[in-house]
PDB file of all heavy atoms in Angstrom:
ATOM      1  N   LEU A   1      52.533  35.033 -20.272  1.00  0.00           N
ATOM      2  CA  LEU A   1      51.483  34.027 -20.173  1.00  0.00           C
ATOM      3  C   LEU A   1      51.094  33.789 -18.715  1.00  0.00           C
ATOM      4  O   LEU A   1      49.910  33.616 -18.396  1.00  0.00           O
ATOM      5  CB  LEU A   1      51.950  32.711 -20.808  1.00  0.00           C
ATOM      6  CG  LEU A   1      52.180  32.740 -22.328  1.00  0.00           C
ATOM      7  CD1 LEU A   1      52.712  31.394 -22.813  1.00  0.00           C
ATOM      8  CD2 LEU A   1      50.894  33.087 -23.072  1.00  0.00           C
ATOM      9  N   SER A   2      52.091  33.811 -17.841  1.00  0.00           N
ATOM     10  CA  SER A   2      51.812  33.634 -16.416  1.00  0.00           C
ATOM     11  C   SER A   2      50.999  34.799 -15.863  1.00  0.00           C
ATOM     12  O   SER A   2      50.174  34.609 -14.958  1.00  0.00           O
ATOM     13  CB  SER A   2      53.118  33.503 -15.621  1.00  0.00           C
ATOM     14  OG  SER A   2      53.824  32.347 -15.990  1.00  0.00           O
ATOM     15  N   ALA A   3      51.235  35.998 -16.399  1.00  0.00           N
ATOM     16  CA  ALA A   3      50.477  37.170 -15.946  1.00  0.00           C
ATOM     17  C   ALA A   3      48.991  36.981 -16.224  1.00  0.00           C
ATOM     18  O   ALA A   3      48.140  37.317 -15.391  1.00  0.00           O
ATOM     19  CB  ALA A   3      50.988  38.432 -16.639  1.00  0.00           C
ATOM     20  N   VAL A   4      48.689  36.454 -17.396  1.00  0.00           N
ATOM     21  CA  VAL A   4      47.293  36.204 -17.742  1.00  0.00           C
ATOM     22  C   VAL A   4      46.714  35.139 -16.809  1.00  0.00           C
ATOM     23  O   VAL A   4      45.598  35.270 -16.293  1.00  0.00           O
ATOM     24  CB  VAL A   4      47.161  35.761 -19.212  1.00  0.00           C
ATOM     25  CG1 VAL A   4      45.712  35.422 -19.540  1.00  0.00           C
ATOM     26  CG2 VAL A   4      47.667  36.858 -20.141  1.00  0.00           C
ATOM     27  N   THR A   5      47.488  34.076 -16.587  1.00  0.00           N
ATOM     28  CA  THR A   5      47.023  33.001 -15.717  1.00  0.00           C
ATOM     29  C   THR A   5      46.812  33.491 -14.291  1.00  0.00           C
ATOM     30  O   THR A   5      45.775  33.236 -13.668  1.00  0.00           O
ATOM     31  CB  THR A   5      48.035  31.838 -15.705  1.00  0.00           C
ATOM     32  OG1 THR A   5      48.251  31.390 -17.042  1.00  0.00           O
ATOM     33  CG2 THR A   5      47.533  30.683 -14.867  1.00  0.00           C
ATOM     34  N   THR A   6      47.808  34.214 -13.762  1.00  0.00           N
ATOM     35  CA  THR A   6      47.712  34.731 -12.396  1.00  0.00           C
ATOM     36  C   THR A   6      46.563  35.724 -12.266  1.00  0.00           C
ATOM     37  O   THR A   6      45.797  35.685 -11.301  1.00  0.00           O
ATOM     38  CB  THR A   6      49.030  35.407 -11.980  1.00  0.00           C
ATOM     39  OG1 THR A   6      50.107  34.474 -12.092  1.00  0.00           O
ATOM     40  CG2 THR A   6      48.955  35.914 -10.549  1.00  0.00           C
ATOM     41  N   GLY A   7      46.454  36.611 -13.240  1.00  0.00           N
ATOM     42  CA  GLY A   7      45.403  37.616 -13.204  1.00  0.00           C
ATOM     43  C   GLY A   7      44.011  37.017 -13.239  1.00  0.00           C
ATOM     44  O   GLY A   7      43.127  37.412 -12.467  1.00  0.00           O
ATOM     45  N   THR A   8      43.813  36.065 -14.129  1.00  0.00           N
ATOM     46  CA  THR A   8      42.496  35.431 -14.214  1.00  0.00           C
ATOM     47  C   THR A   8      42.208  34.583 -12.976  1.00  0.00           C
ATOM     48  O   THR A   8      41.043  34.444 -12.572  1.00  0.00           O
ATOM     49  CB  THR A   8      42.378  34.569 -15.481  1.00  0.00           C
ATOM     50  OG1 THR A   8      43.516  33.690 -15.585  1.00  0.00           O
ATOM     51  CG2 THR A   8      42.307  35.426 -16.723  1.00  0.00           C
ATOM     52  N   THR A   9      43.268  34.038 -12.366  1.00  0.00           N
ATOM     53  CA  THR A   9      43.082  33.318 -11.099  1.00  0.00           C
ATOM     54  C   THR A   9      42.555  34.256 -10.021  1.00  0.00           C
ATOM     55  O   THR A   9      41.634  33.913  -9.270  1.00  0.00           O
ATOM     56  CB  THR A   9      44.408  32.684 -10.628  1.00  0.00           C
ATOM     57  OG1 THR A   9      44.865  31.757 -11.606  1.00  0.00           O
ATOM     58  CG2 THR A   9      44.226  31.969  -9.300  1.00  0.00           C
ATOM     59  N   VAL A  10      43.132  35.445  -9.958  1.00  0.00           N
ATOM     60  CA  VAL A  10      42.671  36.435  -8.980  1.00  0.00           C
ATOM     61  C   VAL A  10      41.247  36.883  -9.295  1.00  0.00           C
ATOM     62  O   VAL A  10      40.449  37.143  -8.391  1.00  0.00           O
ATOM     63  CB  VAL A  10      43.634  37.642  -8.929  1.00  0.00           C
ATOM     64  CG1 VAL A  10      43.088  38.731  -8.020  1.00  0.00           C
ATOM     65  CG2 VAL A  10      45.008  37.206  -8.454  1.00  0.00           C
ATOM     66  N   ILE A  11      40.912  36.970 -10.577  1.00  0.00           N
ATOM     67  CA  ILE A  11      39.532  37.301 -10.950  1.00  0.00           C
ATOM     68  C   ILE A  11      38.569  36.290 -10.348  1.00  0.00           C
ATOM     69  O   ILE A  11      37.529  36.654  -9.792  1.00  0.00           O
ATOM     70  CB  ILE A  11      39.375  37.335 -12.485  1.00  0.00           C
ATOM     71  CG1 ILE A  11      40.042  38.594 -13.059  1.00  0.00           C
ATOM     72  CG2 ILE A  11      37.898  37.314 -12.884  1.00  0.00           C
ATOM     73  CD1 ILE A  11      40.009  38.666 -14.567  1.00  0.00           C
ATOM     74  N   THR A  12      38.915  35.012 -10.448  1.00  0.00           N
ATOM     75  CA  THR A  12      38.028  33.972  -9.922  1.00  0.00           C
ATOM     76  C   THR A  12      37.901  34.043  -8.407  1.00  0.00           C
ATOM     77  O   THR A  12      36.906  33.576  -7.840  1.00  0.00           O
ATOM     78  CB  THR A  12      38.522  32.569 -10.316  1.00  0.00           C
ATOM     79  OG1 THR A  12      39.811  32.318  -9.725  1.00  0.00           O
ATOM     80  CG2 THR A  12      38.632  32.434 -11.825  1.00  0.00           C
ATOM     81  N   LYS A  13      38.896  34.652  -7.726  1.00  0.00           N
ATOM     82  CA  LYS A  13      38.895  34.677  -6.265  1.00  0.00           C
ATOM     83  C   LYS A  13      38.467  36.015  -5.671  1.00  0.00           C
ATOM     84  O   LYS A  13      37.883  36.056  -4.587  1.00  0.00           O
ATOM     85  CB  LYS A  13      40.284  34.326  -5.730  1.00  0.00           C
ATOM     86  CG  LYS A  13      40.712  32.886  -5.971  1.00  0.00           C
ATOM     87  CD  LYS A  13      42.061  32.613  -5.335  1.00  0.00           C
ATOM     88  CE  LYS A  13      42.460  31.158  -5.480  1.00  0.00           C
ATOM     89  NZ  LYS A  13      43.768  30.872  -4.852  1.00  0.00           N
ATOM     90  N   ASN A  14      38.776  37.121  -6.348  1.00  0.00           N
ATOM     91  CA  ASN A  14      38.630  38.429  -5.728  1.00  0.00           C
ATOM     92  C   ASN A  14      37.609  39.358  -6.377  1.00  0.00           C
ATOM     93  O   ASN A  14      37.403  40.461  -5.882  1.00  0.00           O
ATOM     94  CB  ASN A  14      39.992  39.159  -5.718  1.00  0.00           C
ATOM     95  CG  ASN A  14      40.981  38.529  -4.763  1.00  0.00           C
ATOM     96  OD1 ASN A  14      41.608  37.536  -5.079  1.00  0.00           O
ATOM     97  ND2 ASN A  14      41.119  39.101  -3.593  1.00  0.00           N
ATOM     98  N   ILE A  15      36.991  38.919  -7.443  1.00  0.00           N
ATOM     99  CA  ILE A  15      36.082  39.834  -8.121  1.00  0.00           C
ATOM    100  C   ILE A  15      34.688  39.827  -7.493  1.00  0.00           C
ATOM    101  O   ILE A  15      33.847  40.670  -7.829  1.00  0.00           O
ATOM    102  CB  ILE A  15      35.999  39.498  -9.631  1.00  0.00           C
ATOM    103  CG1 ILE A  15      35.609  40.739 -10.422  1.00  0.00           C
ATOM    104  CG2 ILE A  15      35.034  38.334  -9.876  1.00  0.00           C
ATOM    105  CD1 ILE A  15      35.760  40.591 -11.917  1.00  0.00           C
ATOM    106  N   ASP A  16      34.447  38.898  -6.569  1.00  0.00           N
ATOM    107  CA  ASP A  16      33.124  38.787  -5.945  1.00  0.00           C
ATOM    108  C   ASP A  16      32.639  40.111  -5.369  1.00  0.00           C
ATOM    109  O   ASP A  16      31.534  40.574  -5.664  1.00  0.00           O
ATOM    110  CB  ASP A  16      33.139  37.751  -4.815  1.00  0.00           C
ATOM    111  CG  ASP A  16      33.562  36.382  -5.274  1.00  0.00           C
ATOM    112  OD1 ASP A  16      34.445  36.297  -6.143  1.00  0.00           O
ATOM    113  OD2 ASP A  16      33.027  35.386  -4.757  1.00  0.00           O
ATOM    114  N   SER A  17      33.450  40.691  -4.488  1.00  0.00           N
ATOM    115  CA  SER A  17      33.035  41.917  -3.805  1.00  0.00           C
ATOM    116  C   SER A  17      32.816  43.063  -4.788  1.00  0.00           C
ATOM    117  O   SER A  17      31.903  43.874  -4.618  1.00  0.00           O
ATOM    118  CB  SER A  17      34.071  42.324  -2.757  1.00  0.00           C
ATOM    119  OG  SER A  17      35.305  42.667  -3.368  1.00  0.00           O
ATOM    120  N   ILE A  18      33.664  43.121  -5.818  1.00  0.00           N
ATOM    121  CA  ILE A  18      33.534  44.185  -6.813  1.00  0.00           C
ATOM    122  C   ILE A  18      32.223  44.033  -7.571  1.00  0.00           C
ATOM    123  O   ILE A  18      31.493  45.021  -7.797  1.00  0.00           O
ATOM    124  CB  ILE A  18      34.731  44.155  -7.784  1.00  0.00           C
ATOM    125  CG1 ILE A  18      36.043  44.327  -7.014  1.00  0.00           C
ATOM    126  CG2 ILE A  18      34.594  45.234  -8.848  1.00  0.00           C
ATOM    127  CD1 ILE A  18      37.285  44.066  -7.839  1.00  0.00           C
ATOM    128  N   MET A  19      31.882  42.808  -7.960  1.00  0.00           N
ATOM    129  CA  MET A  19      30.660  42.577  -8.728  1.00  0.00           C
ATOM    130  C   MET A  19      29.420  42.679  -7.850  1.00  0.00           C
ATOM    131  O   MET A  19      28.358  43.128  -8.310  1.00  0.00           O
ATOM    132  CB  MET A  19      30.725  41.223  -9.428  1.00  0.00           C
ATOM    133  CG  MET A  19      31.825  41.131 -10.469  1.00  0.00           C
ATOM    134  SD  MET A  19      31.610  39.771 -11.636  1.00  0.00           S
ATOM    135  CE  MET A  19      30.174  40.324 -12.547  1.00  0.00           C
ATOM    136  N   ILE A  20      29.523  42.288  -6.581  1.00  0.00           N
ATOM    137  CA  ILE A  20      28.392  42.470  -5.665  1.00  0.00           C
ATOM    138  C   ILE A  20      28.103  43.956  -5.492  1.00  0.00           C
ATOM    139  O   ILE A  20      26.943  44.380  -5.462  1.00  0.00           O
ATOM    140  CB  ILE A  20      28.678  41.799  -4.306  1.00  0.00           C
ATOM    141  CG1 ILE A  20      28.672  40.276  -4.453  1.00  0.00           C
ATOM    142  CG2 ILE A  20      27.655  42.224  -3.260  1.00  0.00           C
ATOM    143  CD1 ILE A  20      29.128  39.538  -3.213  1.00  0.00           C
ATOM    144  N   THR A  21      29.165  44.751  -5.394  1.00  0.00           N
ATOM    145  CA  THR A  21      28.987  46.200  -5.290  1.00  0.00           C
ATOM    146  C   THR A  21      28.309  46.754  -6.534  1.00  0.00           C
ATOM    147  O   THR A  21      27.418  47.613  -6.450  1.00  0.00           O
ATOM    148  CB  THR A  21      30.344  46.896  -5.084  1.00  0.00           C
ATOM    149  OG1 THR A  21      30.962  46.402  -3.900  1.00  0.00           O
ATOM    150  CG2 THR A  21      30.181  48.410  -4.972  1.00  0.00           C
ATOM    151  N   SER A  22      28.723  46.264  -7.697  1.00  0.00           N
ATOM    152  CA  SER A  22      28.169  46.755  -8.962  1.00  0.00           C
ATOM    153  C   SER A  22      26.744  46.265  -9.197  1.00  0.00           C
ATOM    154  O   SER A  22      25.904  47.016  -9.709  1.00  0.00           O
ATOM    155  CB  SER A  22      29.063  46.318 -10.133  1.00  0.00           C
ATOM    156  OG  SER A  22      30.373  46.818  -9.993  1.00  0.00           O
ATOM    157  N   LEU A  23      26.456  45.012  -8.827  1.00  0.00           N
ATOM    158  CA  LEU A  23      25.156  44.421  -9.133  1.00  0.00           C
ATOM    159  C   LEU A  23      24.170  44.526  -7.975  1.00  0.00           C
ATOM    160  O   LEU A  23      22.962  44.353  -8.174  1.00  0.00           O
ATOM    161  CB  LEU A  23      25.338  42.936  -9.505  1.00  0.00           C
ATOM    162  CG  LEU A  23      26.184  42.671 -10.753  1.00  0.00           C
ATOM    163  CD1 LEU A  23      26.460  41.182 -10.897  1.00  0.00           C
ATOM    164  CD2 LEU A  23      25.478  43.204 -12.003  1.00  0.00           C
ATOM    165  N   ALA A  24      24.682  44.774  -6.766  1.00  0.00           N
ATOM    166  CA  ALA A  24      23.793  44.901  -5.609  1.00  0.00           C
ATOM    167  C   ALA A  24      24.077  46.234  -4.902  1.00  0.00           C
ATOM    168  O   ALA A  24      23.468  47.250  -5.228  1.00  0.00           O
ATOM    169  CB  ALA A  24      23.983  43.718  -4.667  1.00  0.00           C
ATOM    170  N   SER A  25      24.996  46.221  -3.938  1.00  0.00           N
ATOM    171  CA  SER A  25      25.335  47.453  -3.218  1.00  0.00           C
ATOM    172  C   SER A  25      26.644  47.272  -2.470  1.00  0.00           C
ATOM    173  O   SER A  25      27.123  46.148  -2.280  1.00  0.00           O
ATOM    174  CB  SER A  25      24.228  47.809  -2.224  1.00  0.00           C
ATOM    175  OG  SER A  25      24.142  46.829  -1.210  1.00  0.00           O
ATOM    176  N   LEU A  26      27.209  48.384  -2.031  1.00  0.00           N
ATOM    177  CA  LEU A  26      28.431  48.347  -1.234  1.00  0.00           C
ATOM    178  C   LEU A  26      28.151  47.673   0.109  1.00  0.00           C
ATOM    179  O   LEU A  26      28.998  46.947   0.651  1.00  0.00           O
ATOM    180  CB  LEU A  26      28.964  49.760  -1.013  1.00  0.00           C
ATOM    181  CG  LEU A  26      30.385  49.908  -0.461  1.00  0.00           C
ATOM    182  CD1 LEU A  26      31.400  49.283  -1.396  1.00  0.00           C
ATOM    183  CD2 LEU A  26      30.719  51.392  -0.239  1.00  0.00           C
ATOM    184  N   SER A  27      26.947  47.891   0.654  1.00  0.00           N
ATOM    185  CA  SER A  27      26.564  47.252   1.908  1.00  0.00           C
ATOM    186  C   SER A  27      26.526  45.733   1.766  1.00  0.00           C
ATOM    187  O   SER A  27      26.985  45.003   2.660  1.00  0.00           O
ATOM    188  CB  SER A  27      25.192  47.764   2.358  1.00  0.00           C
ATOM    189  OG  SER A  27      24.778  47.124   3.546  1.00  0.00           O
ATOM    190  N   SER A  28      26.010  45.234   0.653  1.00  0.00           N
ATOM    191  CA  SER A  28      25.970  43.784   0.416  1.00  0.00           C
ATOM    192  C   SER A  28      27.373  43.201   0.361  1.00  0.00           C
ATOM    193  O   SER A  28      27.627  42.099   0.851  1.00  0.00           O
ATOM    194  CB  SER A  28      25.232  43.475  -0.887  1.00  0.00           C
ATOM    195  OG  SER A  28      23.879  43.863  -0.808  1.00  0.00           O
ATOM    196  N   ALA A  29      28.300  43.959  -0.241  1.00  0.00           N
ATOM    197  CA  ALA A  29      29.695  43.515  -0.294  1.00  0.00           C
ATOM    198  C   ALA A  29      30.271  43.429   1.111  1.00  0.00           C
ATOM    199  O   ALA A  29      31.058  42.521   1.424  1.00  0.00           O
ATOM    200  CB  ALA A  29      30.522  44.463  -1.158  1.00  0.00           C
ATOM    201  N   GLY A  30      29.898  44.381   1.974  1.00  0.00           N
ATOM    202  CA  GLY A  30      30.361  44.351   3.354  1.00  0.00           C
ATOM    203  C   GLY A  30      29.819  43.156   4.112  1.00  0.00           C
ATOM    204  O   GLY A  30      30.544  42.483   4.843  1.00  0.00           O
ATOM    205  N   ILE A  31      28.522  42.870   3.932  1.00  0.00           N
ATOM    206  CA  ILE A  31      27.912  41.712   4.586  1.00  0.00           C
ATOM    207  C   ILE A  31      28.559  40.417   4.091  1.00  0.00           C
ATOM    208  O   ILE A  31      28.878  39.524   4.877  1.00  0.00           O
ATOM    209  CB  ILE A  31      26.396  41.684   4.323  1.00  0.00           C
ATOM    210  CG1 ILE A  31      25.725  42.874   5.026  1.00  0.00           C
ATOM    211  CG2 ILE A  31      25.785  40.360   4.794  1.00  0.00           C
ATOM    212  CD1 ILE A  31      24.257  43.040   4.687  1.00  0.00           C
ATOM    213  N   TYR A  32      28.773  40.319   2.785  1.00  0.00           N
ATOM    214  CA  TYR A  32      29.374  39.122   2.177  1.00  0.00           C
ATOM    215  C   TYR A  32      30.776  38.861   2.711  1.00  0.00           C
ATOM    216  O   TYR A  32      31.193  37.705   2.866  1.00  0.00           O
ATOM    217  CB  TYR A  32      29.421  39.323   0.663  1.00  0.00           C
ATOM    218  CG  TYR A  32      30.062  38.194  -0.122  1.00  0.00           C
ATOM    219  CD1 TYR A  32      29.373  37.019  -0.379  1.00  0.00           C
ATOM    220  CD2 TYR A  32      31.342  38.327  -0.642  1.00  0.00           C
ATOM    221  CE1 TYR A  32      29.949  35.995  -1.120  1.00  0.00           C
ATOM    222  CE2 TYR A  32      31.933  37.315  -1.385  1.00  0.00           C
ATOM    223  CZ  TYR A  32      31.226  36.149  -1.628  1.00  0.00           C
ATOM    224  OH  TYR A  32      31.808  35.143  -2.358  1.00  0.00           O
TER     225      TYR A  32
END
């Protein structure tokens, strides 16, 4: 249960750059 909690916590904090790359560009992720 903690794995799910920890993992989803990291999603809320670290998925920004991954999704910016997917929805915009790798350059946008670098600027961000």
